Amino acid sequence: MMLAGAVLLGGCKEDPRSIVPGGEVRQGLRLVTQYQCGACHTIPGVQGAAGREGPALDHIGRLSYIAGGIPNQPANMLRWLRVPHAVKPGTEMPPMGLTEQEARHIAAFLYTLR
């Protein structure tokens, strides 16, 4: 019975569940494209995202740390996305001018990259 439910859910086209409250994965994917994050990062699932200036983001959702030492938790990810220099002075990650909601959506997408 449980297997049948899993098979049925596998065919759903709903947005994957986000671990970031208020974040929508599909909106995050759209915003990662809109803000051209792929100019600096390689990001699976994002057309043309093959940048080499920043780290590849293909496993960021399962890493223990972001930006070389910040615990990878949603609150830290949101702050990192919005004000990277406040989190890690001297970082090359530029502030993108994201709103709180945009950061939630982008974080929701990034956590799917495992």
C-alpha atoms as a PDB file:
ATOM      1  CA  MET A   1       0.000   0.000   0.000  1.00  0.00           C
ATOM      2  CA  MET A   2       2.783   2.453   0.895  1.00  0.00           C
ATOM      3  CA  LEU A   3       4.662   1.639  -2.307  1.00  0.00           C
ATOM      4  CA  ALA A   4       1.595   2.480  -4.394  1.00  0.00           C
ATOM      5  CA  GLY A   5       1.337   5.850  -2.622  1.00  0.00           C
ATOM      6  CA  ALA A   6       4.996   6.587  -3.307  1.00  0.00           C
ATOM      7  CA  VAL A   7       4.557   5.738  -6.981  1.00  0.00           C
ATOM      8  CA  LEU A   8       1.529   8.007  -7.232  1.00  0.00           C
ATOM      9  CA  LEU A   9       3.318  10.877  -5.507  1.00  0.00           C
ATOM     10  CA  GLY A  10       6.316  10.439  -7.776  1.00  0.00           C
ATOM     11  CA  GLY A  11       4.186  11.521 -10.726  1.00  0.00           C
ATOM     12  CA  CYS A  12       2.972  14.730  -9.089  1.00  0.00           C
ATOM     13  CA  LYS A  13       4.071  18.000 -10.630  1.00  0.00           C
ATOM     14  CA  GLU A  14       3.636  20.005  -7.440  1.00  0.00           C
ATOM     15  CA  ASP A  15       6.450  22.128  -6.084  1.00  0.00           C
ATOM     16  CA  PRO A  16       8.842  19.988  -4.020  1.00  0.00           C
ATOM     17  CA  ARG A  17       8.468  20.545  -0.274  1.00  0.00           C
ATOM     18  CA  SER A  18      10.793  23.238   0.998  1.00  0.00           C
ATOM     19  CA  ILE A  19      12.701  23.136   4.258  1.00  0.00           C
ATOM     20  CA  VAL A  20      12.700  26.944   4.210  1.00  0.00           C
ATOM     21  CA  PRO A  21       9.472  28.346   5.669  1.00  0.00           C
ATOM     22  CA  GLY A  22       7.744  30.453   3.030  1.00  0.00           C
ATOM     23  CA  GLY A  23      10.170  29.403   0.305  1.00  0.00           C
ATOM     24  CA  GLU A  24       8.993  28.008  -3.018  1.00  0.00           C
ATOM     25  CA  VAL A  25      11.469  25.877  -4.939  1.00  0.00           C
ATOM     26  CA  ARG A  26      10.202  26.823  -8.417  1.00  0.00           C
ATOM     27  CA  GLN A  27      10.286  30.512  -7.587  1.00  0.00           C
ATOM     28  CA  GLY A  28      13.836  30.025  -6.341  1.00  0.00           C
ATOM     29  CA  LEU A  29      14.881  28.416  -9.614  1.00  0.00           C
ATOM     30  CA  ARG A  30      13.340  31.327 -11.509  1.00  0.00           C
ATOM     31  CA  LEU A  31      15.151  33.858  -9.301  1.00  0.00           C
ATOM     32  CA  VAL A  32      18.517  32.081  -9.577  1.00  0.00           C
ATOM     33  CA  THR A  33      18.117  32.447 -13.333  1.00  0.00           C
ATOM     34  CA  GLN A  34      16.873  36.049 -13.127  1.00  0.00           C
ATOM     35  CA  TYR A  35      19.742  37.159 -10.879  1.00  0.00           C
ATOM     36  CA  GLN A  36      22.236  35.305 -13.108  1.00  0.00           C
ATOM     37  CA  CYS A  37      23.797  33.340 -10.257  1.00  0.00           C
ATOM     38  CA  GLY A  38      25.180  31.012 -12.921  1.00  0.00           C
ATOM     39  CA  ALA A  39      27.572  33.725 -14.081  1.00  0.00           C
ATOM     40  CA  CYS A  40      29.706  32.842 -11.043  1.00  0.00           C
ATOM     41  CA  HIS A  41      28.452  29.396 -10.021  1.00  0.00           C
ATOM     42  CA  THR A  42      27.853  26.063 -11.709  1.00  0.00           C
ATOM     43  CA  ILE A  43      24.269  25.158 -10.793  1.00  0.00           C
ATOM     44  CA  PRO A  44      22.615  21.928 -11.921  1.00  0.00           C
ATOM     45  CA  GLY A  45      19.228  22.397 -13.511  1.00  0.00           C
ATOM     46  CA  VAL A  46      19.923  26.010 -14.474  1.00  0.00           C
ATOM     47  CA  GLN A  47      20.546  26.507 -18.165  1.00  0.00           C
ATOM     48  CA  GLY A  48      23.881  28.193 -18.860  1.00  0.00           C
ATOM     49  CA  ALA A  49      24.925  28.205 -15.178  1.00  0.00           C
ATOM     50  CA  ALA A  50      28.546  27.197 -15.613  1.00  0.00           C
ATOM     51  CA  GLY A  51      30.418  29.974 -13.833  1.00  0.00           C
ATOM     52  CA  ARG A  52      33.764  29.219 -12.278  1.00  0.00           C
ATOM     53  CA  GLU A  53      34.358  32.319 -10.115  1.00  0.00           C
ATOM     54  CA  GLY A  54      32.358  30.937  -7.189  1.00  0.00           C
ATOM     55  CA  PRO A  55      32.024  27.370  -5.950  1.00  0.00           C
ATOM     56  CA  ALA A  56      29.827  24.849  -7.726  1.00  0.00           C
ATOM     57  CA  LEU A  57      26.482  24.608  -5.952  1.00  0.00           C
ATOM     58  CA  ASP A  58      25.637  21.059  -7.008  1.00  0.00           C
ATOM     59  CA  HIS A  59      25.681  19.696  -3.426  1.00  0.00           C
ATOM     60  CA  ILE A  60      25.031  22.805  -1.332  1.00  0.00           C
ATOM     61  CA  GLY A  61      21.849  21.332   0.112  1.00  0.00           C
ATOM     62  CA  ARG A  62      23.747  18.580   1.877  1.00  0.00           C
ATOM     63  CA  LEU A  63      26.890  20.450   2.936  1.00  0.00           C
ATOM     64  CA  SER A  64      27.495  21.019   6.644  1.00  0.00           C
ATOM     65  CA  TYR A  65      28.831  24.537   6.035  1.00  0.00           C
ATOM     66  CA  ILE A  66      28.327  27.356   3.575  1.00  0.00           C
ATOM     67  CA  ALA A  67      30.948  29.952   2.668  1.00  0.00           C
ATOM     68  CA  GLY A  68      33.699  27.886   4.259  1.00  0.00           C
ATOM     69  CA  GLY A  69      32.521  27.741   7.849  1.00  0.00           C
ATOM     70  CA  ILE A  70      28.985  28.994   8.430  1.00  0.00           C
ATOM     71  CA  PRO A  71      26.650  26.210   9.643  1.00  0.00           C
ATOM     72  CA  ASN A  72      24.334  25.338   6.762  1.00  0.00           C
ATOM     73  CA  GLN A  73      20.964  26.131   8.322  1.00  0.00           C
ATOM     74  CA  PRO A  74      18.088  28.006   6.684  1.00  0.00           C
ATOM     75  CA  ALA A  75      18.465  31.157   8.821  1.00  0.00           C
ATOM     76  CA  ASN A  76      22.182  31.352   7.999  1.00  0.00           C
ATOM     77  CA  MET A  77      21.546  30.693   4.310  1.00  0.00           C
ATOM     78  CA  LEU A  78      18.969  33.506   4.185  1.00  0.00           C
ATOM     79  CA  ARG A  79      21.352  35.959   5.821  1.00  0.00           C
ATOM     80  CA  TRP A  80      24.208  34.833   3.543  1.00  0.00           C
ATOM     81  CA  LEU A  81      22.086  35.379   0.443  1.00  0.00           C
ATOM     82  CA  ARG A  82      20.932  38.834   1.560  1.00  0.00           C
ATOM     83  CA  VAL A  83      24.057  40.330   3.184  1.00  0.00           C
ATOM     84  CA  PRO A  84      27.074  38.151   2.431  1.00  0.00           C
ATOM     85  CA  HIS A  85      29.628  40.734   3.641  1.00  0.00           C
ATOM     86  CA  ALA A  86      27.932  40.935   7.043  1.00  0.00           C
ATOM     87  CA  VAL A  87      28.223  37.165   7.379  1.00  0.00           C
ATOM     88  CA  LYS A  88      31.767  36.816   6.020  1.00  0.00           C
ATOM     89  CA  PRO A  89      33.701  40.070   5.675  1.00  0.00           C
ATOM     90  CA  GLY A  90      35.898  40.132   2.591  1.00  0.00           C
ATOM     91  CA  THR A  91      33.875  37.556   0.667  1.00  0.00           C
ATOM     92  CA  GLU A  92      33.731  37.870  -3.093  1.00  0.00           C
ATOM     93  CA  MET A  93      30.005  37.061  -3.038  1.00  0.00           C
ATOM     94  CA  PRO A  94      28.316  40.313  -4.056  1.00  0.00           C
ATOM     95  CA  PRO A  95      25.154  41.602  -2.387  1.00  0.00           C
ATOM     96  CA  MET A  96      22.407  41.013  -4.936  1.00  0.00           C
ATOM     97  CA  GLY A  97      19.774  43.246  -3.359  1.00  0.00           C
ATOM     98  CA  LEU A  98      17.481  40.319  -2.615  1.00  0.00           C
ATOM     99  CA  THR A  99      14.336  40.844  -0.612  1.00  0.00           C
ATOM    100  CA  GLU A 100      13.691  38.533   2.341  1.00  0.00           C
ATOM    101  CA  GLN A 101      11.110  36.642   0.272  1.00  0.00           C
ATOM    102  CA  GLU A 102      13.412  36.282  -2.735  1.00  0.00           C
ATOM    103  CA  ALA A 103      16.121  34.901  -0.440  1.00  0.00           C
ATOM    104  CA  ARG A 104      13.600  32.392   0.975  1.00  0.00           C
ATOM    105  CA  HIS A 105      12.738  31.160  -2.506  1.00  0.00           C
ATOM    106  CA  ILE A 106      16.379  30.909  -3.591  1.00  0.00           C
ATOM    107  CA  ALA A 107      17.335  29.084  -0.380  1.00  0.00           C
ATOM    108  CA  ALA A 108      14.429  26.671  -0.920  1.00  0.00           C
ATOM    109  CA  PHE A 109      15.822  25.865  -4.368  1.00  0.00           C
ATOM    110  CA  LEU A 110      19.428  25.580  -3.164  1.00  0.00           C
ATOM    111  CA  TYR A 111      18.437  23.049  -0.505  1.00  0.00           C
ATOM    112  CA  THR A 112      17.148  20.746  -3.241  1.00  0.00           C
ATOM    113  CA  LEU A 113      20.681  20.491  -4.654  1.00  0.00           C
ATOM    114  CA  ARG A 114      21.962  17.348  -2.981  1.00  0.00           C
END
